[in-house]
């Protein structure tokens, strides 16, 4: 299943998952504002990954 993804796709997905986990850690340790800020990175990273994927598909 993961053979369909390029290295860039995998790295961006890992970055999104790690930012989600870090955001949850911050939130449960009482840093709500920082957790919300970091949590907003998740959709941005995923959207950037989709954009990169579409740009690479267009070149084919």
Protein backbone atom coordinates (compact mmCIF):
# COMPACT_ATOMS: atom_id res chain seq x y z
CA UNK A 1 0.00 0.00 0.00
CA UNK A 2 2.75 2.47 0.88
CA UNK A 3 4.60 1.81 -2.37
CA UNK A 4 2.26 4.29 -4.08
CA UNK A 5 3.61 7.16 -1.97
CA UNK A 6 6.81 9.01 -2.72
CA UNK A 7 9.38 9.91 -0.08
CA UNK A 8 8.00 13.45 0.05
CA UNK A 9 4.48 12.16 0.68
CA UNK A 10 5.69 9.95 3.50
CA UNK A 11 7.74 12.72 5.14
CA UNK A 12 4.86 15.21 5.05
CA UNK A 13 2.48 12.61 6.46
CA UNK A 14 4.92 11.83 9.28
CA UNK A 15 5.34 15.55 9.97
CA UNK A 16 1.56 15.95 10.19
CA UNK A 17 1.20 12.99 12.57
CA UNK A 18 4.07 14.21 14.76
CA UNK A 19 2.61 17.71 14.98
CA UNK A 20 -0.75 16.23 15.96
CA UNK A 21 0.86 14.14 18.71
CA UNK A 22 2.94 17.08 19.94
CA UNK A 23 -0.17 19.27 19.97
CA UNK A 24 -2.03 16.74 22.11
CA UNK A 25 0.90 16.48 24.52
CA UNK A 26 0.98 20.25 24.90
CA UNK A 27 -2.78 20.43 25.39
CA UNK A 28 -2.88 17.82 28.13
CA UNK A 29 0.06 19.47 29.90
CA UNK A 30 -1.86 22.75 30.17
CA UNK A 31 -0.48 24.70 27.22
CA UNK A 32 -3.78 25.13 25.38
CA UNK A 33 -2.85 28.13 23.20
CA UNK A 34 0.41 26.58 22.02
CA UNK A 35 -1.37 23.28 21.37
CA UNK A 36 -3.98 24.97 19.19
CA UNK A 37 -1.26 26.78 17.25
CA UNK A 38 0.67 23.57 16.58
CA UNK A 39 -2.56 21.68 15.87
CA UNK A 40 -3.30 24.10 13.03
CA UNK A 41 -0.16 22.87 11.28
CA UNK A 42 -1.72 19.46 10.59
CA UNK A 43 -4.20 20.51 7.85
CA UNK A 44 -1.64 22.93 6.44
CA UNK A 45 0.96 20.18 6.08
CA UNK A 46 -1.54 17.80 4.52
CA UNK A 47 -2.76 20.48 2.10
CA UNK A 48 0.84 21.25 1.15
CA UNK A 49 1.40 17.54 0.50
CA UNK A 50 -1.65 17.40 -1.76
CA UNK A 51 -0.43 20.48 -3.62
CA UNK A 52 3.03 18.97 -4.16
CA UNK A 53 1.45 15.70 -5.30
CA UNK A 54 -0.77 17.50 -7.82
CA UNK A 55 2.14 19.54 -9.17
CA UNK A 56 4.16 16.35 -9.69
CA UNK A 57 1.21 14.66 -11.42
CA UNK A 58 0.82 17.61 -13.79
CA UNK A 59 4.42 17.21 -15.00
CA UNK A 60 3.79 13.58 -16.07
